[in-house]
Amino acid sequence: MFASLLAGLLVCIALWEVQDHRLLQLWYLTLLISSAVRLTVFWRYRRAKPQGEALLKWEWPYAATLFASSSIWGLGALLIMPPDSMLHQVVLVFLLTGMSGGALAVYAPRRRMMLITIALMLVPVTLWLAFQGTSLSTVMTLGIIAFLITVIRSSKVASTHMHQSFVLALELKDARNRAERIAREDELTGMRNRRAFYEEGEKLSKCRRQKEGLLAMILIDIDHFKKINDTYGHANGDLVLKKVAEVLRETVRCSDICARIGGEEFGVLLRVFKAEDAKKLAQKLCQLIEKSTVPLTGDAASKAISATASFGVSTGNISLDTLFNAADTALYQAKAQGRNQVVCAA
């Protein structure tokens, strides 16, 4: 856009001595207006910040303003072309070819847009030169035609390679995202795994520690889970794990960090205003898990079971490891006291 204005200014300076000043001023004013419209479209695009398919809606407004600017160059060149100065004609053709080369570099990923842009700039002057009947104009005509053929052939190769590179980059990004998701997600329940729990927990523990109340950790361990597996099979044990995960997801806040951190062990990390808030949440989860039922499959398909869980709760603006150890100690105390209950760390 700004390169177009600079090149237009150079054209006006180069032709000032041999062309009507008002004509040059009118041509450059038209180019300025076109650039202002293009800048407005670009500014609106930046404000809208479109994503995904919404990006495609901006392609044609951008292309329309680009083609208008290219037409001002291509058709305008015929209006300001000095009829009696071969030197200035060569200068103008040289600048047009340079602008076309810039379009080739900038718009190569959009081959059709690039070819239309170059054609709008060069085809009018090429036809004009072809009918001048001089040896120099014939040479320039053949040179521009050769340039256009080269652009068509090379842009096809470049476009193919760019497309392949773009597809490969997307595939690599998708594979990397999948690998990262697998590394941070529990496959069975779809919750965060232990790694993600600790990584996100460290960020939460370091974020404005003194200004957002207390950091609370709730550790949850399903009671007699080995017995459930031995009695009803591992497939039904997995259903129990999924049910507990479902209860946790539906109960905790989106801002809380919830994860499966071990075989039958889950964890919740959150911010609370006082320790009693964490205890109340743990008690609510304890009751919801006890009330939930899990329809069984396989040989026990006609049955449904309920599970219970023990809870250990710790609070404080302390390190994540210290918080975890305190909650873990409270969890073991809950199991020792008969399970299906909440114990808060001292």
Foldseek 3Di string as FASTA:
>chain_A
DVVLLVLLVVLCVLCVVQFDNVLSVVLSVQLVVLVVQLVVLVVVCVVVVDDDPVVVVSPVSNLVSLLSNLLSQAVVCVVGPRPPDPVSNVVSLVSLVVVLVVLCVPVLLVLVSSLSSNCSNPVNLLVVLVPPPDPVSVVSNVVVVVVSVCSVVVSVVVNVVVVVVVVVVVVVVVVVVVVVLVVQADPLQRAGEQVVLVVVLQVVLPPPNPPQAKKKKKKKAWPPLVVCCVPQNVVQSSQLLNVLSVLVVVQDDPPWHWYAYDDRMIMIIDTDNDQVVVQVSVLVSQVVQQPDWGQGDDPRNVDIDGIGIFMFMEMGSDDPVVNVVQSVVQRVVCVVVPGSHYGYGD
